[in-house]
PDB file of N, CA and C in Angstrom:
ATOM      1  N   MET A   1      52.330  85.153  69.180  1.00  0.00           N
ATOM      2  CA  MET A   1      52.169  86.169  68.097  1.00  0.00           C
ATOM      3  C   MET A   1      53.286  86.424  66.946  1.00  0.00           C
ATOM      4  N   HIS A   2      53.072  86.135  65.861  1.00  0.00           N
ATOM      5  CA  HIS A   2      54.149  86.093  64.909  1.00  0.00           C
ATOM      6  C   HIS A   2      53.475  87.730  64.045  1.00  0.00           C
ATOM      7  N   PRO A   3      54.184  88.458  63.864  1.00  0.00           N
ATOM      8  CA  PRO A   3      54.250  89.814  62.947  1.00  0.00           C
ATOM      9  C   PRO A   3      54.380  89.604  61.545  1.00  0.00           C
ATOM     10  N   ARG A   4      53.354  89.987  60.743  1.00  0.00           N
ATOM     11  CA  ARG A   4      54.213  90.213  59.304  1.00  0.00           C
ATOM     12  C   ARG A   4      54.912  90.842  59.194  1.00  0.00           C
ATOM     13  N   HIS A   5      55.349  91.937  59.798  1.00  0.00           N
ATOM     14  CA  HIS A   5      56.299  93.071  59.321  1.00  0.00           C
ATOM     15  C   HIS A   5      56.927  93.503  60.904  1.00  0.00           C
ATOM     16  N   ALA A   6      58.076  92.567  61.490  1.00  0.00           N
ATOM     17  CA  ALA A   6      58.498  92.591  62.668  1.00  0.00           C
ATOM     18  C   ALA A   6      59.885  93.723  62.452  1.00  0.00           C
ATOM     19  N   PRO A   7      59.790  94.773  63.648  1.00  0.00           N
ATOM     20  CA  PRO A   7      60.743  95.864  63.824  1.00  0.00           C
ATOM     21  C   PRO A   7      61.475  95.785  63.059  1.00  0.00           C
ATOM     22  N   HIS A   8      62.142  96.633  62.497  1.00  0.00           N
ATOM     23  CA  HIS A   8      63.120  96.409  61.894  1.00  0.00           C
ATOM     24  C   HIS A   8      65.042  95.936  62.011  1.00  0.00           C
ATOM     25  N   TYR A   9      64.952  96.166  63.707  1.00  0.00           N
ATOM     26  CA  TYR A   9      66.138  95.797  64.422  1.00  0.00           C
ATOM     27  C   TYR A   9      66.290  94.324  65.073  1.00  0.00           C
ATOM     28  N   THR A  10      64.329  94.271  65.074  1.00  0.00           N
ATOM     29  CA  THR A  10      64.066  93.048  65.402  1.00  0.00           C
ATOM     30  C   THR A  10      64.396  92.247  64.620  1.00  0.00           C
ATOM     31  N   ALA A  11      63.872  92.267  62.982  1.00  0.00           N
ATOM     32  CA  ALA A  11      64.571  91.381  61.982  1.00  0.00           C
ATOM     33  C   ALA A  11      66.009  91.031  61.481  1.00  0.00           C
ATOM     34  N   ILE A  12      66.380  92.075  62.221  1.00  0.00           N
ATOM     35  CA  ILE A  12      67.820  92.318  61.914  1.00  0.00           C
ATOM     36  C   ILE A  12      69.115  90.883  63.133  1.00  0.00           C
ATOM     37  N   VAL A  13      68.494  91.199  64.554  1.00  0.00           N
ATOM     38  CA  VAL A  13      68.994  90.577  65.617  1.00  0.00           C
ATOM     39  C   VAL A  13      68.393  88.990  65.282  1.00  0.00           C
ATOM     40  N   ALA A  14      67.010  88.660  64.891  1.00  0.00           N
ATOM     41  CA  ALA A  14      67.237  87.223  64.525  1.00  0.00           C
ATOM     42  C   ALA A  14      67.385  86.901  63.172  1.00  0.00           C
ATOM     43  N   ALA A  15      67.706  87.392  62.530  1.00  0.00           N
ATOM     44  CA  ALA A  15      68.687  86.835  61.321  1.00  0.00           C
ATOM     45  C   ALA A  15      69.667  86.359  61.501  1.00  0.00           C
ATOM     46  N   SER A  16      70.772  87.204  62.580  1.00  0.00           N
ATOM     47  CA  SER A  16      71.671  86.531  63.254  1.00  0.00           C
ATOM     48  C   SER A  16      71.833  85.476  64.080  1.00  0.00           C
ATOM     49  N   LEU A  17      70.946  85.509  64.637  1.00  0.00           N
ATOM     50  CA  LEU A  17      70.369  83.956  65.441  1.00  0.00           C
ATOM     51  C   LEU A  17      70.241  83.209  64.794  1.00  0.00           C
ATOM     52  N   GLN A  18      69.769  83.500  63.731  1.00  0.00           N
ATOM     53  CA  GLN A  18      69.369  82.418  62.848  1.00  0.00           C
ATOM     54  C   GLN A  18      70.567  81.642  62.103  1.00  0.00           C
ATOM     55  N   ARG A  19      71.304  83.328  61.338  1.00  0.00           N
ATOM     56  CA  ARG A  19      72.645  82.465  60.966  1.00  0.00           C
ATOM     57  C   ARG A  19      73.284  82.008  61.637  1.00  0.00           C
ATOM     58  N   ALA A  20      73.357  81.986  62.681  1.00  0.00           N
ATOM     59  CA  ALA A  20      74.216  81.288  63.785  1.00  0.00           C
ATOM     60  C   ALA A  20      73.747  80.216  64.573  1.00  0.00           C
ATOM     61  N   GLY A  21      72.954  79.318  63.707  1.00  0.00           N
ATOM     62  CA  GLY A  21      71.858  77.988  64.282  1.00  0.00           C
ATOM     63  C   GLY A  21      71.082  78.042  65.102  1.00  0.00           C
ATOM     64  N   HIS A  22      70.459  79.461  65.651  1.00  0.00           N
ATOM     65  CA  HIS A  22      69.537  79.372  66.703  1.00  0.00           C
ATOM     66  C   HIS A  22      68.177  79.504  65.985  1.00  0.00           C
ATOM     67  N   ALA A  23      67.156  78.795  66.644  1.00  0.00           N
ATOM     68  CA  ALA A  23      65.604  78.331  66.031  1.00  0.00           C
ATOM     69  C   ALA A  23      65.384  79.907  67.192  1.00  0.00           C
ATOM     70  N   VAL A  24      64.908  80.821  66.177  1.00  0.00           N
ATOM     71  CA  VAL A  24      64.504  81.998  66.742  1.00  0.00           C
ATOM     72  C   VAL A  24      62.684  82.278  66.717  1.00  0.00           C
ATOM     73  N   SER A  25      62.375  82.664  67.240  1.00  0.00           N
ATOM     74  CA  SER A  25      60.724  82.966  67.273  1.00  0.00           C
ATOM     75  C   SER A  25      60.494  84.507  67.648  1.00  0.00           C
ATOM     76  N   ILE A  26      59.334  85.418  67.186  1.00  0.00           N
ATOM     77  CA  ILE A  26      59.210  86.574  67.378  1.00  0.00           C
ATOM     78  C   ILE A  26      57.631  86.769  68.235  1.00  0.00           C
ATOM     79  N   ALA A  27      57.776  87.221  68.994  1.00  0.00           N
ATOM     80  CA  ALA A  27      56.407  87.252  70.133  1.00  0.00           C
ATOM     81  C   ALA A  27      56.394  88.955  70.065  1.00  0.00           C
ATOM     82  N   ASP A  28      55.439  89.511  69.158  1.00  0.00           N
ATOM     83  CA  ASP A  28      55.597  90.880  69.282  1.00  0.00           C
ATOM     84  C   ASP A  28      54.449  91.182  70.327  1.00  0.00           C
ATOM     85  N   HIS A  29      54.881  91.348  71.503  1.00  0.00           N
ATOM     86  CA  HIS A  29      53.391  91.893  72.598  1.00  0.00           C
ATOM     87  C   HIS A  29      52.909  92.920  72.279  1.00  0.00           C
ATOM     88  N   HIS A  30      53.760  94.181  71.442  1.00  0.00           N
ATOM     89  CA  HIS A  30      53.119  95.795  71.447  1.00  0.00           C
ATOM     90  C   HIS A  30      52.017  95.805  70.660  1.00  0.00           C
ATOM     91  N   LEU A  31      51.630  94.584  70.250  1.00  0.00           N
ATOM     92  CA  LEU A  31      50.663  94.351  68.720  1.00  0.00           C
ATOM     93  C   LEU A  31      49.375  94.138  69.375  1.00  0.00           C
ATOM     94  N   ARG A  32      49.134  94.248  70.435  1.00  0.00           N
ATOM     95  CA  ARG A  32      47.730  93.812  71.065  1.00  0.00           C
ATOM     96  C   ARG A  32      48.305  93.812  72.822  1.00  0.00           C
ATOM     97  N   ALA A  33      46.575  93.836  73.490  1.00  0.00           N
ATOM     98  CA  ALA A  33      47.059  94.227  74.533  1.00  0.00           C
ATOM     99  C   ALA A  33      46.883  92.934  75.636  1.00  0.00           C
ATOM    100  N   CYS A  34      47.521  92.499  76.491  1.00  0.00           N
ATOM    101  CA  CYS A  34      48.223  91.841  77.324  1.00  0.00           C
ATOM    102  C   CYS A  34      48.158  91.657  78.304  1.00  0.00           C
ATOM    103  N   SER A  35      48.216  90.684  79.318  1.00  0.00           N
ATOM    104  CA  SER A  35      48.777  90.836  80.841  1.00  0.00           C
ATOM    105  C   SER A  35      50.117  89.944  80.854  1.00  0.00           C
ATOM    106  N   LEU A  36      50.718  90.310  81.926  1.00  0.00           N
ATOM    107  CA  LEU A  36      51.893  89.190  81.891  1.00  0.00           C
ATOM    108  C   LEU A  36      51.953  87.860  81.959  1.00  0.00           C
ATOM    109  N   SER A  37      51.112  87.279  82.365  1.00  0.00           N
ATOM    110  CA  SER A  37      50.559  86.087  82.618  1.00  0.00           C
ATOM    111  C   SER A  37      50.349  85.864  81.075  1.00  0.00           C
ATOM    112  N   ASP A  38      49.787  86.314  80.440  1.00  0.00           N
ATOM    113  CA  ASP A  38      49.691  86.000  79.301  1.00  0.00           C
ATOM    114  C   ASP A  38      50.766  85.783  78.048  1.00  0.00           C
ATOM    115  N   ILE A  39      51.823  87.173  78.611  1.00  0.00           N
ATOM    116  CA  ILE A  39      53.335  86.567  77.606  1.00  0.00           C
ATOM    117  C   ILE A  39      53.821  85.854  78.053  1.00  0.00           C
ATOM    118  N   VAL A  40      53.722  85.905  80.085  1.00  0.00           N
ATOM    119  CA  VAL A  40      54.749  84.280  80.158  1.00  0.00           C
ATOM    120  C   VAL A  40      54.151  83.268  79.628  1.00  0.00           C
ATOM    121  N   ALA A  41      52.643  82.821  79.581  1.00  0.00           N
ATOM    122  CA  ALA A  41      52.230  81.647  78.658  1.00  0.00           C
ATOM    123  C   ALA A  41      53.082  81.150  77.539  1.00  0.00           C
ATOM    124  N   ASP A  42      53.181  82.186  76.563  1.00  0.00           N
ATOM    125  CA  ASP A  42      53.559  82.549  75.662  1.00  0.00           C
ATOM    126  C   ASP A  42      54.943  81.980  75.469  1.00  0.00           C
ATOM    127  N   ILE A  43      55.557  82.512  76.767  1.00  0.00           N
ATOM    128  CA  ILE A  43      56.924  82.304  76.727  1.00  0.00           C
ATOM    129  C   ILE A  43      57.053  81.087  76.753  1.00  0.00           C
ATOM    130  N   GLU A  44      56.514  80.180  77.649  1.00  0.00           N
ATOM    131  CA  GLU A  44      56.485  79.131  78.629  1.00  0.00           C
ATOM    132  C   GLU A  44      55.949  77.917  77.223  1.00  0.00           C
ATOM    133  N   GLU A  45      55.103  78.232  76.404  1.00  0.00           N
ATOM    134  CA  GLU A  45      54.436  77.588  75.795  1.00  0.00           C
ATOM    135  C   GLU A  45      55.864  77.171  74.540  1.00  0.00           C
ATOM    136  N   THR A  46      56.303  77.653  73.968  1.00  0.00           N
ATOM    137  CA  THR A  46      57.589  77.591  73.584  1.00  0.00           C
ATOM    138  C   THR A  46      59.063  77.123  73.894  1.00  0.00           C
ATOM    139  N   ARG A  47      59.059  77.837  75.250  1.00  0.00           N
ATOM    140  CA  ARG A  47      60.181  76.829  76.187  1.00  0.00           C
ATOM    141  C   ARG A  47      61.569  77.032  75.706  1.00  0.00           C
ATOM    142  N   PRO A  48      61.827  78.492  75.529  1.00  0.00           N
ATOM    143  CA  PRO A  48      63.125  78.929  75.051  1.00  0.00           C
ATOM    144  C   PRO A  48      64.233  78.915  75.683  1.00  0.00           C
ATOM    145  N   ASP A  49      65.343  79.151  75.020  1.00  0.00           N
ATOM    146  CA  ASP A  49      66.911  78.707  76.438  1.00  0.00           C
ATOM    147  C   ASP A  49      66.880  80.571  76.224  1.00  0.00           C
ATOM    148  N   LEU A  50      66.659  81.401  75.347  1.00  0.00           N
ATOM    149  CA  LEU A  50      67.237  82.804  75.967  1.00  0.00           C
ATOM    150  C   LEU A  50      65.629  83.763  75.654  1.00  0.00           C
ATOM    151  N   VAL A  51      65.551  84.292  76.315  1.00  0.00           N
ATOM    152  CA  VAL A  51      64.341  85.548  76.009  1.00  0.00           C
ATOM    153  C   VAL A  51      64.997  87.077  75.515  1.00  0.00           C
ATOM    154  N   LEU A  52      64.508  87.602  74.564  1.00  0.00           N
ATOM    155  CA  LEU A  52      65.462  89.205  74.265  1.00  0.00           C
ATOM    156  C   LEU A  52      64.206  89.872  74.465  1.00  0.00           C
ATOM    157  N   VAL A  53      64.556  90.987  75.258  1.00  0.00           N
ATOM    158  CA  VAL A  53      63.531  92.223  75.034  1.00  0.00           C
ATOM    159  C   VAL A  53      64.283  93.888  74.804  1.00  0.00           C
ATOM    160  N   MET A  54      63.519  93.888  73.652  1.00  0.00           N
ATOM    161  CA  MET A  54      63.759  94.960  73.309  1.00  0.00           C
ATOM    162  C   MET A  54      64.269  96.433  73.996  1.00  0.00           C
ATOM    163  N   HIS A  55      65.342  96.561  73.752  1.00  0.00           N
ATOM    164  CA  HIS A  55      65.551  97.895  74.628  1.00  0.00           C
ATOM    165  C   HIS A  55      65.344  99.258  73.594  1.00  0.00           C
ATOM    166  N   SER A  56      65.911  99.156  72.550  1.00  0.00           N
ATOM    167  CA  SER A  56      65.738 100.168  71.610  1.00  0.00           C
ATOM    168  C   SER A  56      66.081  99.918  69.899  1.00  0.00           C
ATOM    169  N   ASP A  57      65.172 100.300  69.100  1.00  0.00           N
ATOM    170  CA  ASP A  57      65.326 100.363  67.657  1.00  0.00           C
ATOM    171  C   ASP A  57      65.901 101.691  67.497  1.00  0.00           C
ATOM    172  N   TYR A  58      65.353 101.281  65.823  1.00  0.00           N
ATOM    173  CA  TYR A  58      66.339 102.762  65.446  1.00  0.00           C
ATOM    174  C   TYR A  58      65.211 104.250  65.275  1.00  0.00           C
ATOM    175  N   ASN A  59      64.268 103.761  65.920  1.00  0.00           N
ATOM    176  CA  ASN A  59      63.407 105.297  66.458  1.00  0.00           C
ATOM    177  C   ASN A  59      63.351 105.320  67.435  1.00  0.00           C
ATOM    178  N   ARG A  60      63.389 104.654  68.324  1.00  0.00           N
ATOM    179  CA  ARG A  60      63.332 105.079  69.811  1.00  0.00           C
ATOM    180  C   ARG A  60      64.150 104.083  71.148  1.00  0.00           C
ATOM    181  N   GLU A  61      64.221 104.671  72.273  1.00  0.00           N
ATOM    182  CA  GLU A  61      64.976 104.038  73.143  1.00  0.00           C
ATOM    183  C   GLU A  61      63.791 103.990  74.176  1.00  0.00           C
ATOM    184  N   LEU A  62      63.638 103.061  74.769  1.00  0.00           N
ATOM    185  CA  LEU A  62      62.690 102.641  75.679  1.00  0.00           C
ATOM    186  C   LEU A  62      63.501 102.907  77.345  1.00  0.00           C
ATOM    187  N   ARG A  63      62.370 103.263  78.419  1.00  0.00           N
ATOM    188  CA  ARG A  63      63.171 103.946  79.033  1.00  0.00           C
ATOM    189  C   ARG A  63      63.368 103.081  80.057  1.00  0.00           C
ATOM    190  N   ASN A  64      64.568 103.394  81.170  1.00  0.00           N
ATOM    191  CA  ASN A  64      65.310 102.015  81.562  1.00  0.00           C
ATOM    192  C   ASN A  64      64.171 101.580  83.000  1.00  0.00           C
ATOM    193  N   ASP A  65      63.734 102.658  83.372  1.00  0.00           N
ATOM    194  CA  ASP A  65      62.698 102.076  84.365  1.00  0.00           C
ATOM    195  C   ASP A  65      61.423 101.701  84.318  1.00  0.00           C
ATOM    196  N   LEU A  66      61.213 101.235  82.909  1.00  0.00           N
ATOM    197  CA  LEU A  66      59.880 100.704  82.411  1.00  0.00           C
ATOM    198  C   LEU A  66      60.489  99.353  82.049  1.00  0.00           C
ATOM    199  N   LEU A  67      61.655  99.257  81.482  1.00  0.00           N
ATOM    200  CA  LEU A  67      62.199  97.751  81.030  1.00  0.00           C
ATOM    201  C   LEU A  67      62.682  97.315  82.380  1.00  0.00           C
ATOM    202  N   GLU A  68      63.302  97.607  83.283  1.00  0.00           N
ATOM    203  CA  GLU A  68      63.619  97.120  84.420  1.00  0.00           C
ATOM    204  C   GLU A  68      62.434  96.599  85.179  1.00  0.00           C
ATOM    205  N   ALA A  69      60.898  97.507  85.409  1.00  0.00           N
ATOM    206  CA  ALA A  69      59.465  96.570  86.058  1.00  0.00           C
ATOM    207  C   ALA A  69      59.611  95.409  85.041  1.00  0.00           C
ATOM    208  N   ILE A  70      59.919  95.423  83.789  1.00  0.00           N
ATOM    209  CA  ILE A  70      59.139  94.704  82.889  1.00  0.00           C
ATOM    210  C   ILE A  70      60.090  93.063  82.761  1.00  0.00           C
ATOM    211  N   PHE A  71      61.639  93.804  82.840  1.00  0.00           N
ATOM    212  CA  PHE A  71      62.670  92.492  83.390  1.00  0.00           C
ATOM    213  C   PHE A  71      62.477  91.981  84.818  1.00  0.00           C
ATOM    214  N   GLU A  72      61.931  92.943  85.653  1.00  0.00           N
ATOM    215  CA  GLU A  72      61.569  92.154  86.960  1.00  0.00           C
ATOM    216  C   GLU A  72      60.180  91.290  87.039  1.00  0.00           C
ATOM    217  N   SER A  73      59.210  91.964  86.627  1.00  0.00           N
ATOM    218  CA  SER A  73      58.454  90.876  86.697  1.00  0.00           C
ATOM    219  C   SER A  73      58.889  89.463  85.794  1.00  0.00           C
ATOM    220  N   LEU A  74      59.259  89.881  84.519  1.00  0.00           N
ATOM    221  CA  LEU A  74      59.588  88.288  83.940  1.00  0.00           C
ATOM    222  C   LEU A  74      60.247  87.517  84.740  1.00  0.00           C
ATOM    223  N   SER A  75      61.260  88.010  85.555  1.00  0.00           N
ATOM    224  CA  SER A  75      62.210  87.370  86.105  1.00  0.00           C
ATOM    225  C   SER A  75      61.522  86.714  87.547  1.00  0.00           C
ATOM    226  N   ALA A  76      60.628  86.946  87.655  1.00  0.00           N
ATOM    227  CA  ALA A  76      59.600  86.386  89.178  1.00  0.00           C
ATOM    228  C   ALA A  76      59.228  85.536  88.530  1.00  0.00           C
ATOM    229  N   GLU A  77      58.621  85.422  87.134  1.00  0.00           N
ATOM    230  CA  GLU A  77      58.087  84.190  86.583  1.00  0.00           C
ATOM    231  C   GLU A  77      58.778  83.619  86.027  1.00  0.00           C
ATOM    232  N   LEU A  78      60.090  83.424  84.895  1.00  0.00           N
ATOM    233  CA  LEU A  78      60.369  82.900  84.595  1.00  0.00           C
ATOM    234  C   LEU A  78      61.775  82.478  85.439  1.00  0.00           C
ATOM    235  N   GLY A  79      62.173  83.291  86.083  1.00  0.00           N
ATOM    236  CA  GLY A  79      63.673  82.550  86.310  1.00  0.00           C
ATOM    237  C   GLY A  79      64.627  83.845  85.673  1.00  0.00           C
ATOM    238  N   PRO A  80      65.328  84.442  86.390  1.00  0.00           N
ATOM    239  CA  PRO A  80      66.467  85.345  86.020  1.00  0.00           C
ATOM    240  C   PRO A  80      67.295  85.416  84.516  1.00  0.00           C
ATOM    241  N   ASP A  81      67.149  83.702  84.617  1.00  0.00           N
ATOM    242  CA  ASP A  81      69.368  83.429  83.966  1.00  0.00           C
ATOM    243  C   ASP A  81      68.639  83.572  82.433  1.00  0.00           C
ATOM    244  N   ARG A  82      67.734  83.458  81.843  1.00  0.00           N
ATOM    245  CA  ARG A  82      67.220  83.369  80.084  1.00  0.00           C
ATOM    246  C   ARG A  82      67.220  85.066  79.893  1.00  0.00           C
ATOM    247  N   LEU A  83      66.591  86.043  80.476  1.00  0.00           N
ATOM    248  CA  LEU A  83      65.973  87.130  80.551  1.00  0.00           C
ATOM    249  C   LEU A  83      67.437  88.542  79.990  1.00  0.00           C
ATOM    250  N   TRP A  84      67.367  88.590  78.515  1.00  0.00           N
ATOM    251  CA  TRP A  84      68.553  89.730  78.100  1.00  0.00           C
ATOM    252  C   TRP A  84      67.195  90.541  76.798  1.00  0.00           C
ATOM    253  N   GLY A  85      68.696  91.967  76.978  1.00  0.00           N
ATOM    254  CA  GLY A  85      67.918  92.782  76.378  1.00  0.00           C
ATOM    255  C   GLY A  85      68.788  93.094  74.701  1.00  0.00           C
ATOM    256  N   PHE A  86      68.740  93.615  73.716  1.00  0.00           N
ATOM    257  CA  PHE A  86      68.964  93.839  72.986  1.00  0.00           C
ATOM    258  C   PHE A  86      68.277  95.226  72.279  1.00  0.00           C
ATOM    259  N   GLY A  87      69.146  96.066  71.138  1.00  0.00           N
ATOM    260  CA  GLY A  87      69.023  97.117  71.181  1.00  0.00           C
ATOM    261  C   GLY A  87      70.258  97.514  69.796  1.00  0.00           C
ATOM    262  N   ARG A  88      69.941  98.893  68.900  1.00  0.00           N
ATOM    263  CA  ARG A  88      71.062  99.253  68.260  1.00  0.00           C
ATOM    264  C   ARG A  88      72.300 100.051  68.830  1.00  0.00           C
ATOM    265  N   LEU A  89      72.316 100.160  70.252  1.00  0.00           N
ATOM    266  CA  LEU A  89      72.782 100.674  70.636  1.00  0.00           C
ATOM    267  C   LEU A  89      74.654  99.983  70.899  1.00  0.00           C
ATOM    268  N   ASP A  90      75.586 101.461  71.031  1.00  0.00           N
ATOM    269  CA  ASP A  90      76.873 100.717  71.193  1.00  0.00           C
ATOM    270  C   ASP A  90      77.158 100.391  72.289  1.00  0.00           C
ATOM    271  N   ARG A  91      78.522  99.789  72.196  1.00  0.00           N
ATOM    272  CA  ARG A  91      78.847  99.162  73.486  1.00  0.00           C
ATOM    273  C   ARG A  91      78.872  99.511  74.553  1.00  0.00           C
ATOM    274  N   SER A  92      79.286 101.519  74.776  1.00  0.00           N
ATOM    275  CA  SER A  92      79.066 102.360  75.842  1.00  0.00           C
ATOM    276  C   SER A  92      77.389 102.440  76.222  1.00  0.00           C
ATOM    277  N   HIS A  93      76.710 102.276  75.409  1.00  0.00           N
ATOM    278  CA  HIS A  93      75.566 102.530  75.923  1.00  0.00           C
ATOM    279  C   HIS A  93      74.701 101.127  76.244  1.00  0.00           C
ATOM    280  N   ALA A  94      74.953 100.237  75.817  1.00  0.00           N
ATOM    281  CA  ALA A  94      74.782  99.031  76.055  1.00  0.00           C
ATOM    282  C   ALA A  94      74.955  98.568  77.778  1.00  0.00           C
ATOM    283  N   VAL A  95      76.741  98.901  77.967  1.00  0.00           N
ATOM    284  CA  VAL A  95      76.887  98.714  79.639  1.00  0.00           C
ATOM    285  C   VAL A  95      76.124  99.354  80.497  1.00  0.00           C
ATOM    286  N   ALA A  96      76.314 101.097  79.760  1.00  0.00           N
ATOM    287  CA  ALA A  96      75.031 101.213  80.805  1.00  0.00           C
ATOM    288  C   ALA A  96      73.379 101.462  80.785  1.00  0.00           C
ATOM    289  N   ALA A  97      73.309 100.610  79.308  1.00  0.00           N
ATOM    290  CA  ALA A  97      71.570  99.617  80.422  1.00  0.00           C
ATOM    291  C   ALA A  97      71.616  98.343  80.907  1.00  0.00           C
ATOM    292  N   MET A  98      72.701  97.993  80.812  1.00  0.00           N
ATOM    293  CA  MET A  98      72.707  96.738  81.706  1.00  0.00           C
ATOM    294  C   MET A  98      73.481  97.177  83.559  1.00  0.00           C
ATOM    295  N   GLU A  99      73.814  98.423  83.367  1.00  0.00           N
ATOM    296  CA  GLU A  99      74.301  98.649  84.793  1.00  0.00           C
ATOM    297  C   GLU A  99      72.774  99.474  85.419  1.00  0.00           C
ATOM    298  N   ALA A 100      72.236 100.302  84.273  1.00  0.00           N
ATOM    299  CA  ALA A 100      70.627 100.979  84.985  1.00  0.00           C
ATOM    300  C   ALA A 100      69.450  99.483  84.937  1.00  0.00           C
ATOM    301  N   ILE A 101      69.713  98.432  84.556  1.00  0.00           N
ATOM    302  CA  ILE A 101      68.820  97.306  84.783  1.00  0.00           C
ATOM    303  C   ILE A 101      69.574  96.150  85.452  1.00  0.00           C
ATOM    304  N   PRO A 102      69.644  96.088  86.586  1.00  0.00           N
ATOM    305  CA  PRO A 102      70.033  94.856  87.444  1.00  0.00           C
ATOM    306  C   PRO A 102      69.748  93.545  86.824  1.00  0.00           C
ATOM    307  N   SER A 103      68.064  93.368  86.593  1.00  0.00           N
ATOM    308  CA  SER A 103      68.017  92.471  86.155  1.00  0.00           C
ATOM    309  C   SER A 103      68.006  91.593  84.645  1.00  0.00           C
ATOM    310  N   MET A 104      68.595  92.172  83.817  1.00  0.00           N
ATOM    311  CA  MET A 104      68.882  92.037  82.540  1.00  0.00           C
ATOM    312  C   MET A 104      70.438  91.058  82.516  1.00  0.00           C
ATOM    313  N   GLN A 105      70.312  90.277  82.033  1.00  0.00           N
ATOM    314  CA  GLN A 105      71.327  89.165  82.525  1.00  0.00           C
ATOM    315  C   GLN A 105      72.244  89.207  81.168  1.00  0.00           C
ATOM    316  N   GLY A 106      72.346  90.017  80.094  1.00  0.00           N
ATOM    317  CA  GLY A 106      72.963  90.330  78.944  1.00  0.00           C
ATOM    318  C   GLY A 106      72.423  91.396  78.196  1.00  0.00           C
ATOM    319  N   PHE A 107      72.833  91.525  76.738  1.00  0.00           N
ATOM    320  CA  PHE A 107      72.667  92.517  76.203  1.00  0.00           C
ATOM    321  C   PHE A 107      72.789  92.182  74.940  1.00  0.00           C
ATOM    322  N   LEU A 108      72.854  91.891  73.798  1.00  0.00           N
ATOM    323  CA  LEU A 108      73.131  91.906  72.533  1.00  0.00           C
ATOM    324  C   LEU A 108      72.799  93.680  71.326  1.00  0.00           C
ATOM    325  N   TYR A 109      73.791  93.715  70.838  1.00  0.00           N
ATOM    326  CA  TYR A 109      74.001  94.999  70.432  1.00  0.00           C
ATOM    327  C   TYR A 109      74.944  94.567  68.792  1.00  0.00           C
TER     328      TYR A 109
END
């Protein structure tokens, strides 16, 4: 699913990755009700090298316990190596997020 209006920070990260030569696809699963198997199927259909899960944007920061549950579930289905977080956090907050969410393999900020 490709939203007509990606969240602002998602668009910034996508543009940065595209400028670096990466192909980018945005799948915003907040726009519809879906199951974990639906999300995994969407990810596997495009077979990305990296899956980014939003940690925060300019309007909100998602709770680490909820994100850990999401990362653990995705990791069980997809393997842990390609699951990263991204968000508007500065370096110290990004490090804290990675410490709080052990199944997150990296963080783009």
